[in-house]
Amino acid sequence: MEEDPQEFICSIKRRMIRSIRRVEDYYGTLLLEPELFLEKNPASKEKAEKAAGEMKAIETKQMWKVSRTPGQLPLSVQMEPISMIRIETRAPVFWLSVKRRKAIRCVPLAYNPVLRVLDSLPCEAGCYPVRIHSICDDSLHILCQIWLSPHPCCRRRYSVPSHRRGCPRCDTSEPKAIELEINSFTYLI
């Protein structure tokens, strides 16, 4: 693909329009058959209802096929970096003191001088940066809302990394494997 993808986009649109026309022509001829049958054979009420039902089914199938057509076009875009720049710079690190109840914990927070913003803290259980944080009461883990979730039975919010055996209020004694799906990644803890 050249720098200007306009030709490519136009060819995809032409293919889609051609495919939709083909579907409409095919189902248009199928719709004519019950009409011609009713014109040639003066039918009873049952045959007329049957033909109307067939026509309704054909129209429904046509609408389904037309709506499905854009998703059937094969499109695969692959982007590869042509060049890469590695920038090494000094970045100040601030130590954030997290206080919760009687516990204190220091967390490093880095300033990105290139973007001129503070880097976001990662969720300590999921290991990806999040904007909304919660602090675990037991070990002062910095967690996102998924890992500090309410228990389905008692609705008490508890830290999953701190209580791997389950909810401390329900007192589950046997270990449980908890499966969480986050951004199409599945974590089993």
N, C-alpha and C. Protein backbone atom coordinates (compact mmCIF):
# COMPACT_ATOMS: atom_id res chain seq x y z
N MET A 1 0.85 -1.17 0.00
CA MET A 1 0.00 0.00 0.00
C MET A 1 0.90 1.24 0.00
N GLU A 2 0.59 2.17 -0.85
CA GLU A 2 1.35 3.41 -0.97
C GLU A 2 1.07 4.31 0.24
N GLU A 3 1.63 5.51 0.19
CA GLU A 3 1.39 6.45 1.27
C GLU A 3 -0.07 6.90 1.30
N ASP A 4 -0.71 7.00 0.11
CA ASP A 4 -2.10 7.43 0.03
C ASP A 4 -2.99 6.20 -0.07
N PRO A 5 -3.72 5.87 0.97
CA PRO A 5 -4.55 4.65 0.94
C PRO A 5 -5.91 4.86 0.27
N GLN A 6 -6.12 6.01 -0.39
CA GLN A 6 -7.43 6.33 -0.95
C GLN A 6 -7.86 5.31 -2.02
N GLU A 7 -6.94 4.89 -2.89
CA GLU A 7 -7.28 3.90 -3.92
C GLU A 7 -7.71 2.58 -3.29
N PHE A 8 -7.00 2.18 -2.26
CA PHE A 8 -7.33 0.93 -1.57
C PHE A 8 -8.72 1.01 -0.95
N ILE A 9 -9.03 2.13 -0.30
CA ILE A 9 -10.34 2.30 0.34
C ILE A 9 -11.44 2.29 -0.72
N CYS A 10 -11.21 2.96 -1.86
CA CYS A 10 -12.20 2.98 -2.94
C CYS A 10 -12.45 1.58 -3.50
N SER A 11 -11.39 0.78 -3.65
CA SER A 11 -11.57 -0.58 -4.18
C SER A 11 -12.35 -1.45 -3.19
N ILE A 12 -12.11 -1.28 -1.88
CA ILE A 12 -12.88 -2.02 -0.87
C ILE A 12 -14.35 -1.61 -0.94
N LYS A 13 -14.63 -0.31 -1.09
CA LYS A 13 -16.02 0.15 -1.19
C LYS A 13 -16.69 -0.41 -2.44
N ARG A 14 -15.98 -0.42 -3.58
CA ARG A 14 -16.54 -0.99 -4.81
C ARG A 14 -16.89 -2.46 -4.63
N ARG A 15 -15.98 -3.21 -4.00
CA ARG A 15 -16.25 -4.64 -3.77
C ARG A 15 -17.47 -4.83 -2.89
N MET A 16 -17.60 -3.99 -1.85
CA MET A 16 -18.73 -4.12 -0.93
C MET A 16 -20.04 -3.79 -1.65
N ILE A 17 -20.06 -2.71 -2.45
CA ILE A 17 -21.27 -2.34 -3.18
C ILE A 17 -21.65 -3.42 -4.18
N ARG A 18 -20.66 -3.98 -4.88
CA ARG A 18 -20.91 -5.05 -5.84
C ARG A 18 -21.49 -6.28 -5.14
N SER A 19 -20.96 -6.61 -3.98
CA SER A 19 -21.45 -7.75 -3.23
C SER A 19 -22.88 -7.53 -2.74
N ILE A 20 -23.19 -6.31 -2.28
CA ILE A 20 -24.55 -6.01 -1.82
C ILE A 20 -25.53 -6.06 -2.98
N ARG A 21 -25.13 -5.54 -4.15
CA ARG A 21 -26.01 -5.60 -5.33
C ARG A 21 -26.30 -7.05 -5.72
N ARG A 22 -25.27 -7.89 -5.68
CA ARG A 22 -25.45 -9.30 -6.02
C ARG A 22 -26.47 -9.97 -5.08
N VAL A 23 -26.35 -9.68 -3.79
CA VAL A 23 -27.28 -10.25 -2.80
C VAL A 23 -28.69 -9.75 -3.06
N GLU A 24 -28.85 -8.43 -3.32
CA GLU A 24 -30.18 -7.87 -3.56
C GLU A 24 -30.80 -8.42 -4.84
N ASP A 25 -30.00 -8.61 -5.89
CA ASP A 25 -30.53 -9.20 -7.13
C ASP A 25 -31.01 -10.63 -6.90
N TYR A 26 -30.21 -11.41 -6.20
CA TYR A 26 -30.55 -12.80 -5.95
C TYR A 26 -31.85 -12.92 -5.16
N TYR A 27 -31.94 -12.18 -4.07
CA TYR A 27 -33.14 -12.27 -3.24
C TYR A 27 -34.33 -11.57 -3.89
N GLY A 28 -34.07 -10.60 -4.78
CA GLY A 28 -35.16 -9.98 -5.54
C GLY A 28 -35.84 -10.98 -6.45
N THR A 29 -35.04 -11.84 -7.12
CA THR A 29 -35.64 -12.87 -7.97
C THR A 29 -36.36 -13.92 -7.13
N LEU A 30 -35.83 -14.21 -5.95
CA LEU A 30 -36.53 -15.16 -5.08
C LEU A 30 -37.87 -14.61 -4.61
N LEU A 31 -37.96 -13.30 -4.43
CA LEU A 31 -39.22 -12.68 -4.00
C LEU A 31 -40.26 -12.69 -5.12
N LEU A 32 -39.82 -12.71 -6.37
CA LEU A 32 -40.76 -12.72 -7.49
C LEU A 32 -41.49 -14.05 -7.63
N GLU A 33 -40.85 -15.14 -7.26
CA GLU A 33 -41.46 -16.47 -7.43
C GLU A 33 -42.78 -16.63 -6.69
N PRO A 34 -42.88 -16.30 -5.39
CA PRO A 34 -44.20 -16.43 -4.74
C PRO A 34 -45.25 -15.49 -5.32
N GLU A 35 -44.85 -14.29 -5.77
CA GLU A 35 -45.80 -13.37 -6.38
C GLU A 35 -46.36 -13.93 -7.69
N LEU A 36 -45.45 -14.47 -8.52
CA LEU A 36 -45.90 -15.06 -9.79
C LEU A 36 -46.79 -16.27 -9.55
N PHE A 37 -46.48 -17.06 -8.55
CA PHE A 37 -47.29 -18.23 -8.23
C PHE A 37 -48.71 -17.81 -7.86
N LEU A 38 -48.83 -16.73 -7.07
CA LEU A 38 -50.15 -16.26 -6.64
C LEU A 38 -50.94 -15.66 -7.81
N GLU A 39 -50.22 -15.00 -8.76
CA GLU A 39 -50.91 -14.43 -9.92
C GLU A 39 -51.43 -15.52 -10.85
N LYS A 40 -50.64 -16.56 -11.07
CA LYS A 40 -51.04 -17.63 -11.99
C LYS A 40 -52.12 -18.51 -11.40
N ASN A 41 -52.00 -18.82 -10.14
CA ASN A 41 -52.96 -19.70 -9.47
C ASN A 41 -53.76 -18.90 -8.46
N PRO A 42 -55.01 -18.60 -8.79
CA PRO A 42 -55.82 -17.93 -7.77
C PRO A 42 -55.93 -18.87 -6.57
N ALA A 43 -55.29 -18.52 -5.53
CA ALA A 43 -55.10 -19.44 -4.42
C ALA A 43 -56.13 -19.22 -3.34
N SER A 44 -56.18 -20.22 -2.50
CA SER A 44 -57.03 -20.12 -1.33
C SER A 44 -56.33 -19.26 -0.28
N LYS A 45 -56.98 -19.05 0.81
CA LYS A 45 -56.43 -18.21 1.89
C LYS A 45 -55.17 -18.83 2.47
N GLU A 46 -55.13 -20.17 2.58
CA GLU A 46 -53.96 -20.86 3.14
C GLU A 46 -52.72 -20.66 2.26
N LYS A 47 -52.91 -20.80 0.93
CA LYS A 47 -51.78 -20.65 0.02
C LYS A 47 -51.28 -19.21 0.01
N ALA A 48 -52.19 -18.26 0.13
CA ALA A 48 -51.80 -16.85 0.16
C ALA A 48 -51.00 -16.55 1.43
N GLU A 49 -51.42 -17.10 2.57
CA GLU A 49 -50.69 -16.91 3.83
C GLU A 49 -49.31 -17.58 3.76
N LYS A 50 -49.27 -18.76 3.14
CA LYS A 50 -47.98 -19.48 3.01
C LYS A 50 -47.02 -18.68 2.13
N ALA A 51 -47.53 -18.12 1.03
CA ALA A 51 -46.68 -17.32 0.14
C ALA A 51 -46.21 -16.05 0.85
N ALA A 52 -47.09 -15.42 1.64
CA ALA A 52 -46.69 -14.22 2.39
C ALA A 52 -45.62 -14.55 3.42
N GLY A 53 -45.74 -15.71 4.06
CA GLY A 53 -44.72 -16.15 5.02
C GLY A 53 -43.38 -16.40 4.36
N GLU A 54 -43.42 -17.00 3.16
CA GLU A 54 -42.18 -17.24 2.40
C GLU A 54 -41.52 -15.91 2.02
N MET A 55 -42.35 -14.97 1.57
CA MET A 55 -41.81 -13.66 1.18
C MET A 55 -41.19 -12.95 2.38
N LYS A 56 -41.84 -13.03 3.54
CA LYS A 56 -41.31 -12.40 4.75
C LYS A 56 -39.97 -13.04 5.15
N ALA A 57 -39.88 -14.38 5.04
CA ALA A 57 -38.64 -15.08 5.37
C ALA A 57 -37.52 -14.69 4.41
N ILE A 58 -37.85 -14.56 3.12
CA ILE A 58 -36.85 -14.17 2.12
C ILE A 58 -36.36 -12.75 2.39
N GLU A 59 -37.28 -11.82 2.72
CA GLU A 59 -36.89 -10.44 3.02
C GLU A 59 -35.99 -10.37 4.26
N THR A 60 -36.33 -11.17 5.28
CA THR A 60 -35.52 -11.19 6.50
C THR A 60 -34.11 -11.71 6.21
N LYS A 61 -34.04 -12.76 5.41
CA LYS A 61 -32.73 -13.33 5.08
C LYS A 61 -31.92 -12.34 4.24
N GLN A 62 -32.59 -11.61 3.34
CA GLN A 62 -31.91 -10.61 2.54
C GLN A 62 -31.34 -9.50 3.42
N MET A 63 -32.13 -9.00 4.35
CA MET A 63 -31.63 -7.94 5.25
C MET A 63 -30.46 -8.45 6.07
N TRP A 64 -30.51 -9.70 6.53
CA TRP A 64 -29.42 -10.28 7.32
C TRP A 64 -28.14 -10.38 6.48
N LYS A 65 -28.28 -10.85 5.23
CA LYS A 65 -27.10 -10.99 4.35
C LYS A 65 -26.48 -9.63 4.04
N VAL A 66 -27.34 -8.62 3.76
CA VAL A 66 -26.82 -7.29 3.43
C VAL A 66 -26.11 -6.68 4.63
N SER A 67 -26.66 -6.85 5.83
CA SER A 67 -26.01 -6.29 7.03
C SER A 67 -24.72 -7.00 7.36
N ARG A 68 -24.60 -8.27 6.95
CA ARG A 68 -23.40 -9.06 7.24
C ARG A 68 -22.28 -8.84 6.23
N THR A 69 -22.59 -8.28 5.07
CA THR A 69 -21.63 -8.14 3.98
C THR A 69 -20.38 -7.33 4.34
N PRO A 70 -20.49 -6.15 4.98
CA PRO A 70 -19.25 -5.40 5.28
C PRO A 70 -18.27 -6.16 6.17
N GLY A 71 -18.74 -7.01 7.05
CA GLY A 71 -17.85 -7.76 7.93
C GLY A 71 -17.15 -8.91 7.24
N GLN A 72 -17.63 -9.29 6.04
CA GLN A 72 -17.03 -10.43 5.35
C GLN A 72 -15.86 -10.04 4.45
N LEU A 73 -15.67 -8.74 4.23
CA LEU A 73 -14.56 -8.33 3.38
C LEU A 73 -13.24 -8.58 4.09
N PRO A 74 -12.32 -9.27 3.45
CA PRO A 74 -11.03 -9.56 4.10
C PRO A 74 -10.17 -8.30 4.15
N LEU A 75 -9.80 -7.93 5.35
CA LEU A 75 -8.95 -6.76 5.52
C LEU A 75 -7.94 -7.07 6.61
N SER A 76 -6.69 -7.00 6.24
CA SER A 76 -5.63 -7.26 7.20
C SER A 76 -4.58 -6.17 7.03
N VAL A 77 -4.43 -5.35 8.04
CA VAL A 77 -3.46 -4.26 7.99
C VAL A 77 -2.31 -4.61 8.92
N GLN A 78 -1.13 -4.57 8.38
CA GLN A 78 0.06 -4.86 9.16
C GLN A 78 0.95 -3.64 9.16
N MET A 79 1.26 -3.17 10.34
CA MET A 79 2.13 -2.00 10.44
C MET A 79 3.43 -2.41 11.11
N GLU A 80 4.52 -2.04 10.50
CA GLU A 80 5.83 -2.36 11.05
C GLU A 80 6.61 -1.07 11.22
N PRO A 81 7.33 -0.93 12.31
CA PRO A 81 8.11 0.29 12.48
C PRO A 81 9.27 0.33 11.49
N ILE A 82 9.46 1.48 10.91
CA ILE A 82 10.56 1.65 9.95
C ILE A 82 11.83 2.02 10.69
N SER A 83 11.68 2.88 11.67
CA SER A 83 12.84 3.26 12.46
C SER A 83 12.40 3.47 13.90
N MET A 84 13.35 3.39 14.79
CA MET A 84 13.06 3.53 16.19
C MET A 84 14.09 4.47 16.80
N ILE A 85 13.62 5.31 17.68
CA ILE A 85 14.53 6.23 18.36
C ILE A 85 14.52 5.87 19.84
N ARG A 86 15.69 5.70 20.37
CA ARG A 86 15.81 5.41 21.80
C ARG A 86 16.34 6.66 22.48
N ILE A 87 15.55 7.16 23.41
CA ILE A 87 15.94 8.38 24.11
C ILE A 87 16.25 8.03 25.56
N GLU A 88 17.43 8.38 25.97
CA GLU A 88 17.80 8.20 27.37
C GLU A 88 17.86 9.56 28.02
N THR A 89 17.14 9.70 29.08
CA THR A 89 17.10 10.98 29.78
C THR A 89 16.97 10.74 31.27
N ARG A 90 17.35 11.69 32.03
CA ARG A 90 17.20 11.59 33.48
C ARG A 90 15.75 11.92 33.83
N ALA A 91 15.19 11.13 34.69
CA ALA A 91 13.82 11.35 35.12
C ALA A 91 13.78 11.39 36.64
N PRO A 92 13.20 12.42 37.19
CA PRO A 92 13.10 12.47 38.66
C PRO A 92 12.07 11.45 39.16
N VAL A 93 12.37 10.85 40.27
CA VAL A 93 11.47 9.88 40.90
C VAL A 93 11.02 10.47 42.22
N PHE A 94 9.74 10.55 42.40
CA PHE A 94 9.16 11.06 43.64
C PHE A 94 8.68 9.88 44.46
N TRP A 95 8.88 9.94 45.74
CA TRP A 95 8.43 8.87 46.62
C TRP A 95 7.12 9.31 47.26
N LEU A 96 6.10 8.60 46.92
CA LEU A 96 4.76 8.89 47.41
C LEU A 96 4.52 8.07 48.67
N SER A 97 4.14 8.74 49.73
CA SER A 97 3.89 8.06 50.99
C SER A 97 2.39 7.76 51.09
N VAL A 98 2.05 6.48 51.06
CA VAL A 98 0.66 6.04 51.13
C VAL A 98 0.34 5.67 52.56
N LYS A 99 -0.64 6.36 53.14
CA LYS A 99 -1.04 6.09 54.52
C LYS A 99 -2.48 5.60 54.51
N ARG A 100 -2.71 4.51 55.17
CA ARG A 100 -4.06 3.96 55.28
C ARG A 100 -4.18 3.34 56.65
N ARG A 101 -5.11 3.80 57.41
CA ARG A 101 -5.29 3.39 58.80
C ARG A 101 -3.98 3.62 59.56
N LYS A 102 -3.33 2.57 60.08
CA LYS A 102 -2.10 2.77 60.85
C LYS A 102 -0.85 2.39 60.07
N ALA A 103 -1.00 1.99 58.83
CA ALA A 103 0.14 1.54 58.03
C ALA A 103 0.60 2.63 57.07
N ILE A 104 1.91 2.63 56.78
CA ILE A 104 2.51 3.58 55.85
C ILE A 104 3.37 2.78 54.88
N ARG A 105 3.32 3.17 53.61
CA ARG A 105 4.13 2.51 52.59
C ARG A 105 4.58 3.55 51.58
N CYS A 106 5.85 3.49 51.16
CA CYS A 106 6.38 4.41 50.17
C CYS A 106 6.34 3.76 48.78
N VAL A 107 5.85 4.52 47.81
CA VAL A 107 5.70 4.03 46.44
C VAL A 107 6.43 4.99 45.51
N PRO A 108 7.28 4.47 44.58
CA PRO A 108 7.97 5.37 43.64
C PRO A 108 7.02 5.87 42.55
N LEU A 109 7.13 7.13 42.23
CA LEU A 109 6.31 7.74 41.18
C LEU A 109 7.26 8.53 40.28
N ALA A 110 7.37 8.14 39.01
CA ALA A 110 8.33 8.75 38.09
C ALA A 110 7.68 9.85 37.26
N TYR A 111 8.47 10.87 36.96
CA TYR A 111 8.04 11.97 36.10
C TYR A 111 8.67 11.76 34.73
N ASN A 112 7.86 11.78 33.67
CA ASN A 112 8.35 11.60 32.32
C ASN A 112 8.67 12.98 31.73
N PRO A 113 9.97 13.32 31.56
CA PRO A 113 10.31 14.66 31.07
C PRO A 113 10.00 14.86 29.58
N VAL A 114 9.90 13.78 28.83
CA VAL A 114 9.59 13.91 27.40
C VAL A 114 8.12 14.29 27.21
N LEU A 115 7.24 13.58 27.89
CA LEU A 115 5.81 13.87 27.80
C LEU A 115 5.35 14.94 28.78
N ARG A 116 6.19 15.24 29.75
CA ARG A 116 5.92 16.22 30.80
C ARG A 116 4.67 15.86 31.62
N VAL A 117 4.61 14.60 31.99
CA VAL A 117 3.52 14.12 32.86
C VAL A 117 4.10 13.11 33.86
N LEU A 118 3.37 12.90 34.93
CA LEU A 118 3.73 11.84 35.86
C LEU A 118 3.27 10.51 35.28
N ASP A 119 4.11 9.49 35.36
CA ASP A 119 3.70 8.16 34.92
C ASP A 119 2.64 7.64 35.87
N SER A 120 1.67 6.92 35.32
CA SER A 120 0.61 6.40 36.18
C SER A 120 1.11 5.15 36.92
N LEU A 121 0.57 4.95 38.08
CA LEU A 121 0.95 3.79 38.89
C LEU A 121 0.32 2.53 38.31
N PRO A 122 1.07 1.44 38.25
CA PRO A 122 0.45 0.21 37.76
C PRO A 122 -0.32 -0.49 38.87
N CYS A 123 -1.32 -1.25 38.46
CA CYS A 123 -2.03 -2.11 39.40
C CYS A 123 -1.05 -3.21 39.79
N GLU A 124 -0.85 -3.43 41.08
CA GLU A 124 0.16 -4.39 41.52
C GLU A 124 -0.26 -5.83 41.30
N ALA A 125 -1.52 -6.08 41.05
CA ALA A 125 -1.97 -7.45 40.78
C ALA A 125 -2.01 -7.72 39.28
N GLY A 126 -2.49 -6.75 38.50
CA GLY A 126 -2.62 -6.92 37.06
C GLY A 126 -1.43 -6.43 36.28
N CYS A 127 -0.58 -5.61 36.89
CA CYS A 127 0.66 -5.11 36.32
C CYS A 127 0.45 -4.27 35.05
N TYR A 128 -0.61 -3.50 35.00
CA TYR A 128 -0.76 -2.57 33.90
C TYR A 128 -1.24 -1.23 34.47
N PRO A 129 -0.88 -0.12 33.83
CA PRO A 129 -1.21 1.19 34.40
C PRO A 129 -2.72 1.46 34.36
N VAL A 130 -3.22 2.01 35.43
CA VAL A 130 -4.63 2.38 35.52
C VAL A 130 -4.74 3.81 36.04
N ARG A 131 -5.86 4.44 35.78
CA ARG A 131 -6.07 5.81 36.24
C ARG A 131 -6.77 5.85 37.60
N ILE A 132 -7.65 4.91 37.86
CA ILE A 132 -8.39 4.89 39.12
C ILE A 132 -7.79 3.82 40.01
N HIS A 133 -7.31 4.24 41.18
CA HIS A 133 -6.64 3.32 42.09
C HIS A 133 -7.45 3.13 43.36
N SER A 134 -7.24 1.98 43.95
CA SER A 134 -7.78 1.71 45.28
C SER A 134 -6.63 1.16 46.10
N ILE A 135 -6.70 1.37 47.40
CA ILE A 135 -5.64 0.90 48.29
C ILE A 135 -6.22 -0.23 49.14
N CYS A 136 -5.50 -1.34 49.17
CA CYS A 136 -5.89 -2.49 49.98
C CYS A 136 -5.61 -2.16 51.45
N ASP A 137 -6.55 -2.45 52.34
CA ASP A 137 -6.38 -2.15 53.76
C ASP A 137 -5.34 -3.04 54.43
N ASP A 138 -5.21 -4.27 53.98
CA ASP A 138 -4.36 -5.23 54.66
C ASP A 138 -2.88 -5.01 54.39
N SER A 139 -2.49 -4.93 53.11
CA SER A 139 -1.07 -4.83 52.77
C SER A 139 -0.72 -3.56 52.03
N LEU A 140 -1.66 -2.64 51.89
CA LEU A 140 -1.49 -1.39 51.16
C LEU A 140 -1.09 -1.62 49.70
N HIS A 141 -1.67 -2.65 49.08
CA HIS A 141 -1.46 -2.86 47.65
C HIS A 141 -2.19 -1.76 46.89
N ILE A 142 -1.61 -1.32 45.79
CA ILE A 142 -2.28 -0.38 44.89
C ILE A 142 -2.96 -1.22 43.83
N LEU A 143 -4.28 -1.17 43.82
CA LEU A 143 -5.06 -2.07 42.96
C LEU A 143 -6.08 -1.30 42.13
N CYS A 144 -6.49 -1.91 41.02
CA CYS A 144 -7.61 -1.36 40.26
C CYS A 144 -8.90 -1.95 40.83
N GLN A 145 -10.03 -1.51 40.34
CA GLN A 145 -11.32 -1.92 40.90
C GLN A 145 -11.59 -3.41 40.72
N ILE A 146 -11.01 -4.03 39.71
CA ILE A 146 -11.27 -5.44 39.44
C ILE A 146 -10.70 -6.32 40.54
N TRP A 147 -9.49 -5.99 41.02
CA TRP A 147 -8.83 -6.82 42.02
C TRP A 147 -9.28 -6.50 43.45
N LEU A 148 -10.03 -5.43 43.62
CA LEU A 148 -10.59 -5.10 44.92
C LEU A 148 -12.11 -5.19 44.75
N SER A 149 -12.56 -6.42 44.59
CA SER A 149 -13.95 -6.64 44.17
C SER A 149 -14.81 -7.14 45.33
N PRO A 150 -16.12 -6.90 45.25
CA PRO A 150 -17.01 -7.42 46.30
C PRO A 150 -17.22 -8.92 46.14
N HIS A 151 -17.33 -9.61 47.25
CA HIS A 151 -17.56 -11.04 47.25
C HIS A 151 -19.01 -11.29 46.82
N PRO A 152 -19.27 -12.31 45.99
CA PRO A 152 -20.63 -12.52 45.51
C PRO A 152 -21.64 -12.87 46.62
N CYS A 153 -21.19 -13.49 47.71
CA CYS A 153 -22.12 -13.91 48.77
C CYS A 153 -22.41 -12.78 49.75
N CYS A 154 -21.37 -12.24 50.38
CA CYS A 154 -21.57 -11.28 51.46
C CYS A 154 -21.42 -9.83 51.01
N ARG A 155 -21.02 -9.60 49.74
CA ARG A 155 -20.85 -8.27 49.16
C ARG A 155 -19.78 -7.42 49.85
N ARG A 156 -18.91 -8.04 50.66
CA ARG A 156 -17.80 -7.31 51.30
C ARG A 156 -16.68 -7.17 50.30
N ARG A 157 -16.12 -5.97 50.19
CA ARG A 157 -14.99 -5.74 49.29
C ARG A 157 -13.71 -6.21 49.98
N TYR A 158 -12.96 -7.04 49.26
CA TYR A 158 -11.70 -7.53 49.83
C TYR A 158 -10.64 -7.58 48.75
N SER A 159 -9.38 -7.51 49.16
CA SER A 159 -8.26 -7.52 48.25
C SER A 159 -7.95 -8.96 47.85
N VAL A 160 -8.07 -9.24 46.57
CA VAL A 160 -7.83 -10.61 46.09
C VAL A 160 -6.36 -11.01 46.28
N PRO A 161 -5.36 -10.15 46.01
CA PRO A 161 -3.96 -10.56 46.25
C PRO A 161 -3.64 -10.81 47.72
N SER A 162 -4.29 -10.11 48.63
CA SER A 162 -4.02 -10.32 50.05
C SER A 162 -4.73 -11.56 50.59
N HIS A 163 -5.88 -11.88 50.05
CA HIS A 163 -6.68 -13.02 50.52
C HIS A 163 -6.89 -14.00 49.37
N ARG A 164 -5.86 -14.76 49.09
CA ARG A 164 -5.92 -15.70 47.97
C ARG A 164 -6.88 -16.86 48.23
N ARG A 165 -7.18 -17.15 49.48
CA ARG A 165 -8.07 -18.26 49.79
C ARG A 165 -9.55 -17.89 49.66
N GLY A 166 -9.84 -16.63 49.53
CA GLY A 166 -11.23 -16.21 49.39
C GLY A 166 -11.55 -15.10 50.36
N CYS A 167 -12.82 -14.84 50.52
CA CYS A 167 -13.29 -13.75 51.36
C CYS A 167 -13.01 -14.06 52.83
N PRO A 168 -12.39 -13.13 53.59
CA PRO A 168 -12.10 -13.39 54.99
C PRO A 168 -13.38 -13.40 55.85
N ARG A 169 -14.41 -12.71 55.46
CA ARG A 169 -15.64 -12.70 56.24
C ARG A 169 -16.38 -14.05 56.12
N CYS A 170 -16.40 -14.61 54.92
CA CYS A 170 -17.07 -15.90 54.71
C CYS A 170 -16.24 -17.05 55.24
N ASP A 171 -14.96 -16.79 55.47
CA ASP A 171 -14.03 -17.77 56.03
C ASP A 171 -13.99 -19.06 55.22
N THR A 172 -13.65 -18.92 53.96
CA THR A 172 -13.50 -20.10 53.11
C THR A 172 -12.14 -20.72 53.42
N SER A 173 -12.14 -21.96 53.85
CA SER A 173 -10.90 -22.59 54.29
C SER A 173 -10.13 -23.26 53.16
N GLU A 174 -10.81 -23.71 52.11
CA GLU A 174 -10.10 -24.36 51.03
C GLU A 174 -9.67 -23.34 49.98
N PRO A 175 -8.48 -23.51 49.39
CA PRO A 175 -8.01 -22.54 48.41
C PRO A 175 -8.88 -22.58 47.15
N LYS A 176 -9.12 -21.41 46.58
CA LYS A 176 -9.91 -21.31 45.36
C LYS A 176 -9.06 -20.67 44.28
N ALA A 177 -9.24 -21.12 43.06
CA ALA A 177 -8.60 -20.46 41.93
C ALA A 177 -9.58 -19.44 41.40
N ILE A 178 -9.17 -18.21 41.39
CA ILE A 178 -10.03 -17.13 40.93
C ILE A 178 -9.57 -16.73 39.55
N GLU A 179 -10.50 -16.70 38.60
CA GLU A 179 -10.16 -16.37 37.23
C GLU A 179 -10.76 -15.01 36.90
N LEU A 180 -9.90 -14.08 36.51
CA LEU A 180 -10.35 -12.74 36.15
C LEU A 180 -9.92 -12.46 34.73
N GLU A 181 -10.82 -11.85 33.95
CA GLU A 181 -10.47 -11.48 32.59
C GLU A 181 -10.40 -9.97 32.51
N ILE A 182 -9.22 -9.48 32.13
CA ILE A 182 -8.97 -8.05 32.07
C ILE A 182 -8.38 -7.74 30.71
N ASN A 183 -9.05 -6.91 29.94
CA ASN A 183 -8.57 -6.49 28.62
C ASN A 183 -8.11 -7.68 27.79
N SER A 184 -8.90 -8.71 27.70
CA SER A 184 -8.70 -9.93 26.93
C SER A 184 -7.53 -10.79 27.45
N PHE A 185 -6.99 -10.48 28.63
CA PHE A 185 -6.01 -11.33 29.28
C PHE A 185 -6.70 -12.02 30.44
N THR A 186 -6.44 -13.29 30.63
CA THR A 186 -7.06 -14.02 31.73
C THR A 186 -6.01 -14.30 32.78
N TYR A 187 -6.30 -13.91 34.02
CA TYR A 187 -5.39 -14.13 35.14
C TYR A 187 -6.00 -15.20 36.04
N LEU A 188 -5.24 -16.18 36.42
CA LEU A 188 -5.68 -17.22 37.34
C LEU A 188 -4.86 -17.09 38.59
N ILE A 189 -5.52 -16.74 39.68
CA ILE A 189 -4.77 -16.57 40.93
C ILE A 189 -5.29 -17.51 41.98
